[in-house]
Each structure stands twice: as C-alpha cells, then as structure tokens.
Amino acid sequence: MAQGAATKVKKRKKSVLKRAQQSRERAEVNRANRTRVRTMMRRLRTAITAGDATAAGNLLHPTMSAIDRAITKGVLHENTGNRYKSRLTVAFNHVKTAKA
C-alpha cells in the first residue's frame, strides 16, 4: 500500500472506527512534526553550504531542539536524531572554523 494512502476500515464496529480515526489523527500529527524537523534541517544545511556562519549559528539551536522534540514524540528514532545532530554540528563547526 502506498505511503500516506487511506486505509479502508473493514469492520463497522464502534471500537474499530474509533481506532481508525485515532490512527489518522496520529499520522497527521506525526507528518506535521516530521515536516517541521526536515524544513529546519534544510534551512540549516542551506546556510551551512552558503558559508553563512551567523545564519547557521542562529538556526543551530532551534534545529537541535526540534530534532530532540521529534525524538521525544516518537517521530524520529533516537539514533537517527542523534546522527542528524552530530552531522549538522560537524558541518557547522567546519563553517565556523573556516570563517575564523
């Protein structure tokens, strides 16, 4: 089944319908959180590749917080989030030292 495609509810029991609705709501929240994190990471990467250390420095802390929040909410696996944070920090440090 395609990702993001609606799943058909087979049974018409009240509990099944409620569970399907909860699943749709959860998926929507997870999608919003994942999109927020990816957008922030994209902005930070853009600033880093442009060599703009001040813009990257301003974006670094909020991006790390967003990644941590996504880990807490279960949107990202802990190791995945830590890998993202590590790579972004290393890239930022390269830009910071290149500027200095």
Protein backbone atom coordinates (compact mmCIF):
# COMPACT_ATOMS: atom_id res chain seq x y z
CA MET A 1 0.00 0.00 0.00
CA ALA A 2 1.26 3.46 -0.84
CA GLN A 3 2.58 5.57 1.98
CA GLY A 4 0.06 8.14 3.15
CA ALA A 5 -2.80 6.33 1.45
CA ALA A 6 -6.01 5.96 3.40
CA THR A 7 -6.64 2.52 4.78
CA LYS A 8 -10.07 1.07 4.36
CA VAL A 9 -11.84 0.16 7.59
CA LYS A 10 -13.13 -3.36 7.12
CA LYS A 11 -15.34 -3.76 10.17
CA ARG A 12 -18.01 -1.34 11.27
CA LYS A 13 -17.60 -1.89 15.00
CA LYS A 14 -17.50 1.22 17.10
CA SER A 15 -14.07 0.41 18.52
CA VAL A 16 -12.61 -0.27 15.07
CA LEU A 17 -13.91 3.02 13.72
CA LYS A 18 -12.55 4.91 16.73
CA ARG A 19 -9.15 3.24 16.40
CA ALA A 20 -9.01 4.09 12.69
CA GLN A 21 -9.84 7.73 13.44
CA GLN A 22 -7.16 7.88 16.15
CA SER A 23 -4.65 6.39 13.73
CA ARG A 24 -5.45 9.03 11.08
CA GLU A 25 -5.12 11.86 13.63
CA ARG A 26 -1.80 10.48 14.94
CA ALA A 27 -0.45 10.14 11.39
CA GLU A 28 -1.35 13.76 10.68
CA VAL A 29 0.44 14.98 13.82
CA ASN A 30 3.49 12.83 13.06
CA ARG A 31 3.60 14.13 9.50
CA ALA A 32 3.49 17.74 10.72
CA ASN A 33 6.30 17.12 13.23
CA ARG A 34 8.44 15.31 10.65
CA THR A 35 7.91 18.11 8.12
CA ARG A 36 8.85 20.76 10.71
CA VAL A 37 12.12 18.97 11.53
CA ARG A 38 13.04 18.39 7.89
CA THR A 39 12.35 22.02 6.99
CA MET A 40 14.54 23.30 9.82
CA MET A 41 17.32 20.89 8.85
CA ARG A 42 17.05 22.00 5.22
CA ARG A 43 17.34 25.67 6.22
CA LEU A 44 20.39 24.94 8.39
CA ARG A 45 22.06 22.93 5.62
CA THR A 46 21.40 25.76 3.15
CA ALA A 47 23.04 28.27 5.49
CA ILE A 48 26.00 25.92 6.01
CA THR A 49 26.55 25.30 2.29
CA ALA A 50 26.34 29.04 1.65
CA GLY A 51 29.09 29.50 4.24
CA ASP A 52 26.98 31.88 6.32
CA ALA A 53 28.22 31.12 9.84
CA THR A 54 26.00 33.69 11.60
CA ALA A 55 22.77 32.43 9.99
CA ALA A 56 23.81 28.83 10.64
CA GLY A 57 24.61 29.71 14.26
CA ASN A 58 21.17 31.26 14.70
CA LEU A 59 19.50 28.15 13.23
CA LEU A 60 21.59 25.52 15.01
CA HIS A 61 19.97 25.59 18.47
CA PRO A 62 16.32 25.65 17.28
CA THR A 63 17.07 22.82 14.86
CA MET A 64 18.62 20.69 17.61
CA SER A 65 15.59 21.38 19.81
CA ALA A 66 13.22 20.36 17.02
CA ILE A 67 15.14 17.12 16.49
CA ASP A 68 15.05 16.38 20.24
CA ARG A 69 11.32 17.10 20.31
CA ALA A 70 10.75 14.72 17.38
CA ILE A 71 12.71 12.02 19.22
CA THR A 72 10.61 12.56 22.36
CA LYS A 73 7.36 12.37 20.40
CA GLY A 74 8.46 9.18 18.64
CA VAL A 75 8.60 10.72 15.17
CA LEU A 76 12.34 10.01 14.85
CA HIS A 77 14.27 7.12 16.29
CA GLU A 78 16.79 8.22 18.90
CA ASN A 79 19.83 7.02 16.95
CA THR A 80 18.58 8.70 13.78
CA GLY A 81 18.07 12.01 15.56
CA ASN A 82 21.48 11.82 17.22
CA ARG A 83 23.09 11.06 13.85
CA TYR A 84 21.40 14.11 12.30
CA LYS A 85 22.52 16.31 15.19
CA SER A 86 26.09 15.04 15.01
CA ARG A 87 26.43 15.58 11.27
CA LEU A 88 24.86 19.04 11.38
CA THR A 89 27.12 20.07 14.27
CA VAL A 90 30.25 18.83 12.48
CA ALA A 91 29.26 20.72 9.33
CA PHE A 92 28.55 23.87 11.34
CA ASN A 93 31.93 23.62 13.09
CA HIS A 94 33.67 23.39 9.70
CA VAL A 95 31.93 26.57 8.54
CA LYS A 96 32.68 28.32 11.83
CA THR A 97 36.39 27.48 11.70
CA ALA A 98 36.63 28.36 8.01
CA LYS A 99 35.23 31.82 8.76
CA ALA A 100 37.62 32.45 11.67
